[in-house]
Amino acid sequence: MLAVASWRLSSTPSPLPDGVVEQLLVSCDTSRLVGRRDRAVLELLAGLGLRRAEVAGLDIEDVDWQAGLITVTGKGARTDRLPLPVKAGEAVAAYVMGGRPAVPGALFFTVRQPWRRLDPSSVNGIVQQACRRCGIETVGPHRLRHTLASALLQAGAGLPEVGQVLRHSSLQSTAGYAKIDWEKLRSVARPWPVGLSGDQR
């Protein structure tokens, strides 16, 4: 039996519709500790395109408040110091100053004792709960990453720039996002070889 071919980059990243990310953000009740924490998590996912494991792996010491930077450890233990978007920084500060357990270690904890670092599945749950509050189809954190990439492309960013923001190891990893915008796809498509457009019999 022949195996079914599995082509890399065959799937198209799927950004969320316009306005949905903002709905998810404002659905958090920031008058409560859990809402402040969840808003900070969502802002990092949406504003920096972090992966769920990267958010869960953040430590309080990773935030450089004075410089406005955050250190993110990603795939392959790659470490990057990234500018902290204003909205994300404000949300993280509101959580840290407004109820985060005053203990060293993780940036994000559970809201009940015994305090435990959020794990990637908890980050996934935060996104899905926000979807349910908004009455929309539940999605995972990676859809926020896709949405950020789409917004950057629509704003005129090139694929290398998108790859830098998403911290891809190669342009090939970013190329899949070109499918969101066919004009961008044309810019990375190889020209058709001369002599192969006609009848080859």
C-alpha atoms as a PDB file:
ATOM      1  CA  MET A   1       0.000   0.000   0.000  1.00  0.00           C
ATOM      2  CA  LEU A   2       1.383   3.388  -1.016  1.00  0.00           C
ATOM      3  CA  ALA A   3       1.913   5.939   1.742  1.00  0.00           C
ATOM      4  CA  VAL A   4       0.138   9.262   1.506  1.00  0.00           C
ATOM      5  CA  ALA A   5       2.564  12.082   0.813  1.00  0.00           C
ATOM      6  CA  SER A   6       2.970  14.628   3.585  1.00  0.00           C
ATOM      7  CA  TRP A   7       4.265  17.912   2.197  1.00  0.00           C
ATOM      8  CA  ARG A   8       5.876  20.497   4.456  1.00  0.00           C
ATOM      9  CA  LEU A   9       4.110  23.870   4.484  1.00  0.00           C
ATOM     10  CA  SER A  10       1.011  22.273   2.937  1.00  0.00           C
ATOM     11  CA  SER A  11      -1.329  23.712   5.572  1.00  0.00           C
ATOM     12  CA  THR A  12      -2.287  27.369   5.618  1.00  0.00           C
ATOM     13  CA  PRO A  13      -1.943  29.337   8.884  1.00  0.00           C
ATOM     14  CA  SER A  14      -5.364  30.537   9.961  1.00  0.00           C
ATOM     15  CA  PRO A  15      -5.559  33.994  11.578  1.00  0.00           C
ATOM     16  CA  LEU A  16      -8.541  34.971  13.670  1.00  0.00           C
ATOM     17  CA  PRO A  17     -11.090  37.368  12.139  1.00  0.00           C
ATOM     18  CA  ASP A  18     -10.630  41.083  12.698  1.00  0.00           C
ATOM     19  CA  GLY A  19     -11.562  42.210  16.177  1.00  0.00           C
ATOM     20  CA  VAL A  20     -11.579  38.773  17.783  1.00  0.00           C
ATOM     21  CA  VAL A  21      -8.227  39.163  19.555  1.00  0.00           C
ATOM     22  CA  GLU A  22      -9.428  42.393  21.186  1.00  0.00           C
ATOM     23  CA  GLN A  23     -12.612  40.623  22.278  1.00  0.00           C
ATOM     24  CA  LEU A  24     -10.541  37.909  23.956  1.00  0.00           C
ATOM     25  CA  LEU A  25      -8.423  40.507  25.753  1.00  0.00           C
ATOM     26  CA  VAL A  26     -11.277  42.607  27.086  1.00  0.00           C
ATOM     27  CA  SER A  27     -13.190  39.502  28.195  1.00  0.00           C
ATOM     28  CA  CYS A  28     -10.805  39.200  31.165  1.00  0.00           C
ATOM     29  CA  ASP A  29     -12.231  40.624  34.396  1.00  0.00           C
ATOM     30  CA  THR A  30      -9.212  42.588  35.584  1.00  0.00           C
ATOM     31  CA  SER A  31     -10.921  43.438  38.867  1.00  0.00           C
ATOM     32  CA  ARG A  32     -10.001  39.879  39.890  1.00  0.00           C
ATOM     33  CA  LEU A  33      -6.568  38.291  40.234  1.00  0.00           C
ATOM     34  CA  VAL A  34      -7.348  35.525  37.756  1.00  0.00           C
ATOM     35  CA  GLY A  35      -8.485  38.118  35.229  1.00  0.00           C
ATOM     36  CA  ARG A  36      -5.304  40.168  35.620  1.00  0.00           C
ATOM     37  CA  ARG A  37      -3.186  37.059  35.170  1.00  0.00           C
ATOM     38  CA  ASP A  38      -5.140  35.851  32.150  1.00  0.00           C
ATOM     39  CA  ARG A  39      -5.047  39.302  30.513  1.00  0.00           C
ATOM     40  CA  ALA A  40      -1.255  39.364  30.883  1.00  0.00           C
ATOM     41  CA  VAL A  41      -0.950  35.884  29.378  1.00  0.00           C
ATOM     42  CA  LEU A  42      -3.173  36.793  26.428  1.00  0.00           C
ATOM     43  CA  GLU A  43      -1.310  40.047  25.799  1.00  0.00           C
ATOM     44  CA  LEU A  44       1.989  38.156  25.555  1.00  0.00           C
ATOM     45  CA  LEU A  45       0.493  35.589  23.206  1.00  0.00           C
ATOM     46  CA  ALA A  46      -1.125  38.219  20.997  1.00  0.00           C
ATOM     47  CA  GLY A  47       1.498  40.958  21.140  1.00  0.00           C
ATOM     48  CA  LEU A  48       4.682  38.900  20.886  1.00  0.00           C
ATOM     49  CA  GLY A  49       3.404  35.708  19.264  1.00  0.00           C
ATOM     50  CA  LEU A  50       4.817  33.589  22.073  1.00  0.00           C
ATOM     51  CA  ARG A  51       4.186  29.855  22.123  1.00  0.00           C
ATOM     52  CA  ARG A  52       2.279  28.456  25.086  1.00  0.00           C
ATOM     53  CA  ALA A  53       5.373  26.703  26.470  1.00  0.00           C
ATOM     54  CA  GLU A  54       7.318  29.952  26.230  1.00  0.00           C
ATOM     55  CA  VAL A  55       4.726  31.789  28.307  1.00  0.00           C
ATOM     56  CA  ALA A  56       4.617  28.983  30.870  1.00  0.00           C
ATOM     57  CA  GLY A  57       8.430  28.980  31.064  1.00  0.00           C
ATOM     58  CA  LEU A  58       8.777  32.680  31.899  1.00  0.00           C
ATOM     59  CA  ASP A  59      10.337  33.625  35.241  1.00  0.00           C
ATOM     60  CA  ILE A  60       9.811  36.903  37.059  1.00  0.00           C
ATOM     61  CA  GLU A  61      13.502  37.696  36.513  1.00  0.00           C
ATOM     62  CA  ASP A  62      12.974  37.469  32.745  1.00  0.00           C
ATOM     63  CA  VAL A  63      11.246  40.865  32.772  1.00  0.00           C
ATOM     64  CA  ASP A  64      13.608  43.834  32.624  1.00  0.00           C
ATOM     65  CA  TRP A  65      11.286  46.610  33.722  1.00  0.00           C
ATOM     66  CA  GLN A  66      13.762  49.450  33.260  1.00  0.00           C
ATOM     67  CA  ALA A  67      14.806  48.463  29.748  1.00  0.00           C
ATOM     68  CA  GLY A  68      11.317  47.323  28.707  1.00  0.00           C
ATOM     69  CA  LEU A  69      12.600  43.908  27.621  1.00  0.00           C
ATOM     70  CA  ILE A  70      11.589  40.327  28.254  1.00  0.00           C
ATOM     71  CA  THR A  71      13.813  37.258  27.908  1.00  0.00           C
ATOM     72  CA  VAL A  72      12.099  34.325  26.196  1.00  0.00           C
ATOM     73  CA  THR A  73      13.441  30.785  26.017  1.00  0.00           C
ATOM     74  CA  GLY A  74      12.054  29.005  22.991  1.00  0.00           C
ATOM     75  CA  LYS A  75      12.604  25.879  20.941  1.00  0.00           C
ATOM     76  CA  GLY A  76      16.012  24.279  21.247  1.00  0.00           C
ATOM     77  CA  ALA A  77      16.690  26.342  24.373  1.00  0.00           C
ATOM     78  CA  ARG A  78      17.123  29.406  22.163  1.00  0.00           C
ATOM     79  CA  THR A  79      17.050  32.584  24.253  1.00  0.00           C
ATOM     80  CA  ASP A  80      15.954  35.985  22.927  1.00  0.00           C
ATOM     81  CA  ARG A  81      15.596  39.392  24.594  1.00  0.00           C
ATOM     82  CA  LEU A  82      12.545  41.016  23.076  1.00  0.00           C
ATOM     83  CA  PRO A  83      11.004  44.475  23.377  1.00  0.00           C
ATOM     84  CA  LEU A  84       7.975  44.256  25.644  1.00  0.00           C
ATOM     85  CA  PRO A  85       4.950  45.850  23.947  1.00  0.00           C
ATOM     86  CA  VAL A  86       3.379  48.608  26.041  1.00  0.00           C
ATOM     87  CA  LYS A  87       0.017  46.872  26.449  1.00  0.00           C
ATOM     88  CA  ALA A  88       1.654  43.591  27.395  1.00  0.00           C
ATOM     89  CA  GLY A  89       3.998  45.349  29.825  1.00  0.00           C
ATOM     90  CA  GLU A  90       1.128  47.160  31.496  1.00  0.00           C
ATOM     91  CA  ALA A  91      -0.858  43.933  31.818  1.00  0.00           C
ATOM     92  CA  VAL A  92       2.092  42.031  33.288  1.00  0.00           C
ATOM     93  CA  ALA A  93       2.785  44.879  35.733  1.00  0.00           C
ATOM     94  CA  ALA A  94      -0.884  44.940  36.784  1.00  0.00           C
ATOM     95  CA  TYR A  95      -0.694  41.227  37.567  1.00  0.00           C
ATOM     96  CA  VAL A  96       2.649  41.387  39.374  1.00  0.00           C
ATOM     97  CA  MET A  97       1.620  44.365  41.495  1.00  0.00           C
ATOM     98  CA  GLY A  98      -1.961  43.259  41.894  1.00  0.00           C
ATOM     99  CA  GLY A  99      -1.799  39.834  43.448  1.00  0.00           C
ATOM    100  CA  ARG A 100       0.922  37.652  41.995  1.00  0.00           C
ATOM    101  CA  PRO A 101       2.359  35.536  44.843  1.00  0.00           C
ATOM    102  CA  ALA A 102       5.403  37.306  46.283  1.00  0.00           C
ATOM    103  CA  VAL A 103       7.669  34.331  45.717  1.00  0.00           C
ATOM    104  CA  PRO A 104      10.634  33.849  43.374  1.00  0.00           C
ATOM    105  CA  GLY A 105      10.492  31.706  40.280  1.00  0.00           C
ATOM    106  CA  ALA A 106       7.713  31.617  37.743  1.00  0.00           C
ATOM    107  CA  LEU A 107       6.110  34.750  36.335  1.00  0.00           C
ATOM    108  CA  PHE A 108       2.676  33.121  36.171  1.00  0.00           C
ATOM    109  CA  PHE A 109       1.232  31.024  38.981  1.00  0.00           C
ATOM    110  CA  THR A 110      -2.042  29.332  39.762  1.00  0.00           C
ATOM    111  CA  VAL A 111      -4.368  31.609  41.719  1.00  0.00           C
ATOM    112  CA  ARG A 112      -4.847  29.206  44.638  1.00  0.00           C
ATOM    113  CA  GLN A 113      -2.367  27.713  47.054  1.00  0.00           C
ATOM    114  CA  PRO A 114      -0.223  25.744  46.869  1.00  0.00           C
ATOM    115  CA  TRP A 115       1.210  28.105  44.244  1.00  0.00           C
ATOM    116  CA  ARG A 116       2.261  26.257  41.107  1.00  0.00           C
ATOM    117  CA  ARG A 117       3.799  27.507  37.885  1.00  0.00           C
ATOM    118  CA  LEU A 118       1.359  27.522  35.004  1.00  0.00           C
ATOM    119  CA  ASP A 119       2.086  24.732  32.570  1.00  0.00           C
ATOM    120  CA  PRO A 120       1.482  24.850  28.793  1.00  0.00           C
ATOM    121  CA  SER A 121      -1.909  23.145  29.119  1.00  0.00           C
ATOM    122  CA  SER A 122      -2.986  25.866  31.568  1.00  0.00           C
ATOM    123  CA  VAL A 123      -2.016  28.531  29.035  1.00  0.00           C
ATOM    124  CA  ASN A 124      -4.088  26.673  26.455  1.00  0.00           C
ATOM    125  CA  GLY A 125      -6.991  26.635  28.907  1.00  0.00           C
ATOM    126  CA  ILE A 126      -6.770  30.409  29.421  1.00  0.00           C
ATOM    127  CA  VAL A 127      -7.234  30.990  25.691  1.00  0.00           C
ATOM    128  CA  GLN A 128     -10.098  28.518  25.450  1.00  0.00           C
ATOM    129  CA  GLN A 129     -11.890  30.045  28.457  1.00  0.00           C
ATOM    130  CA  ALA A 130     -11.622  33.470  26.854  1.00  0.00           C
ATOM    131  CA  CYS A 131     -13.161  32.044  23.679  1.00  0.00           C
ATOM    132  CA  ARG A 132     -16.068  30.637  25.653  1.00  0.00           C
ATOM    133  CA  ARG A 133     -16.629  33.983  27.376  1.00  0.00           C
ATOM    134  CA  CYS A 134     -16.825  35.614  23.953  1.00  0.00           C
ATOM    135  CA  GLY A 135     -19.134  32.934  22.579  1.00  0.00           C
ATOM    136  CA  ILE A 136     -16.786  31.981  19.745  1.00  0.00           C
ATOM    137  CA  GLU A 137     -15.273  28.721  18.576  1.00  0.00           C
ATOM    138  CA  THR A 138     -12.515  27.613  20.952  1.00  0.00           C
ATOM    139  CA  VAL A 139      -9.008  27.938  19.559  1.00  0.00           C
ATOM    140  CA  GLY A 140      -5.518  27.393  20.906  1.00  0.00           C
ATOM    141  CA  PRO A 141      -2.699  29.882  21.606  1.00  0.00           C
ATOM    142  CA  HIS A 142      -1.070  29.227  18.231  1.00  0.00           C
ATOM    143  CA  ARG A 143      -3.985  30.954  16.469  1.00  0.00           C
ATOM    144  CA  LEU A 144      -2.922  34.189  18.189  1.00  0.00           C
ATOM    145  CA  ARG A 145       0.554  33.658  16.766  1.00  0.00           C
ATOM    146  CA  HIS A 146      -0.920  33.180  13.276  1.00  0.00           C
ATOM    147  CA  THR A 147      -2.999  36.328  13.740  1.00  0.00           C
ATOM    148  CA  LEU A 148       0.025  38.410  14.688  1.00  0.00           C
ATOM    149  CA  ALA A 149       1.917  37.163  11.623  1.00  0.00           C
ATOM    150  CA  SER A 150      -1.039  38.019   9.386  1.00  0.00           C
ATOM    151  CA  ALA A 151      -1.302  41.515  10.865  1.00  0.00           C
ATOM    152  CA  LEU A 152       2.404  42.117  10.266  1.00  0.00           C
ATOM    153  CA  LEU A 153       2.108  41.016   6.636  1.00  0.00           C
ATOM    154  CA  GLN A 154      -0.919  43.229   6.070  1.00  0.00           C
ATOM    155  CA  ALA A 155       0.981  46.149   7.590  1.00  0.00           C
ATOM    156  CA  GLY A 156       3.699  45.691   4.967  1.00  0.00           C
ATOM    157  CA  ALA A 157       6.294  43.667   6.840  1.00  0.00           C
ATOM    158  CA  GLY A 158       8.424  41.285   4.803  1.00  0.00           C
ATOM    159  CA  LEU A 159       8.767  37.603   5.514  1.00  0.00           C
ATOM    160  CA  PRO A 160      12.243  38.021   7.079  1.00  0.00           C
ATOM    161  CA  GLU A 161      10.790  40.592   9.480  1.00  0.00           C
ATOM    162  CA  VAL A 162       7.907  38.291  10.409  1.00  0.00           C
ATOM    163  CA  GLY A 163      10.409  35.488  10.969  1.00  0.00           C
ATOM    164  CA  GLN A 164      12.391  37.706  13.337  1.00  0.00           C
ATOM    165  CA  VAL A 165       9.318  38.578  15.386  1.00  0.00           C
ATOM    166  CA  LEU A 166       8.257  34.923  15.604  1.00  0.00           C
ATOM    167  CA  ARG A 167      11.875  33.844  16.220  1.00  0.00           C
ATOM    168  CA  HIS A 168      11.914  31.266  13.436  1.00  0.00           C
ATOM    169  CA  SER A 169      15.200  29.483  12.854  1.00  0.00           C
ATOM    170  CA  SER A 170      14.870  29.693   9.059  1.00  0.00           C
ATOM    171  CA  LEU A 171      12.888  31.509   6.376  1.00  0.00           C
ATOM    172  CA  GLN A 172      11.369  28.164   5.411  1.00  0.00           C
ATOM    173  CA  SER A 173       9.506  28.164   8.731  1.00  0.00           C
ATOM    174  CA  THR A 174       8.064  31.583   7.911  1.00  0.00           C
ATOM    175  CA  ALA A 175       7.207  30.807   4.291  1.00  0.00           C
ATOM    176  CA  GLY A 176       3.948  29.129   5.258  1.00  0.00           C
ATOM    177  CA  TYR A 177       2.611  32.487   6.414  1.00  0.00           C
ATOM    178  CA  ALA A 178       2.957  33.823   2.877  1.00  0.00           C
ATOM    179  CA  LYS A 179      -0.129  31.791   1.991  1.00  0.00           C
ATOM    180  CA  ILE A 180      -2.142  34.296   4.011  1.00  0.00           C
ATOM    181  CA  ASP A 181      -1.307  36.923   1.389  1.00  0.00           C
ATOM    182  CA  TRP A 182      -0.912  35.784  -2.219  1.00  0.00           C
ATOM    183  CA  GLU A 183       1.054  38.901  -3.103  1.00  0.00           C
ATOM    184  CA  LYS A 184       3.606  37.933  -0.443  1.00  0.00           C
ATOM    185  CA  LEU A 185       3.579  34.375  -1.784  1.00  0.00           C
ATOM    186  CA  ARG A 186       4.551  35.601  -5.256  1.00  0.00           C
ATOM    187  CA  SER A 187       7.562  37.347  -3.730  1.00  0.00           C
ATOM    188  CA  VAL A 188       9.041  34.039  -2.514  1.00  0.00           C
ATOM    189  CA  ALA A 189       7.875  31.743  -5.347  1.00  0.00           C
ATOM    190  CA  ARG A 190      10.573  30.477  -7.680  1.00  0.00           C
ATOM    191  CA  PRO A 191      10.110  31.367 -11.372  1.00  0.00           C
ATOM    192  CA  TRP A 192       8.861  28.578 -13.631  1.00  0.00           C
ATOM    193  CA  PRO A 193      11.843  26.995 -15.434  1.00  0.00           C
ATOM    194  CA  VAL A 194      12.154  28.081 -19.067  1.00  0.00           C
ATOM    195  CA  GLY A 195      11.246  25.310 -21.497  1.00  0.00           C
ATOM    196  CA  LEU A 196       8.845  23.443 -19.174  1.00  0.00           C
ATOM    197  CA  SER A 197       5.689  25.342 -19.982  1.00  0.00           C
ATOM    198  CA  GLY A 198       4.941  23.555 -23.261  1.00  0.00           C
ATOM    199  CA  ASP A 199       4.277  20.003 -24.368  1.00  0.00           C
ATOM    200  CA  GLN A 200       7.175  17.814 -23.251  1.00  0.00           C
ATOM    201  CA  ARG A 201       6.270  14.733 -25.301  1.00  0.00           C
END
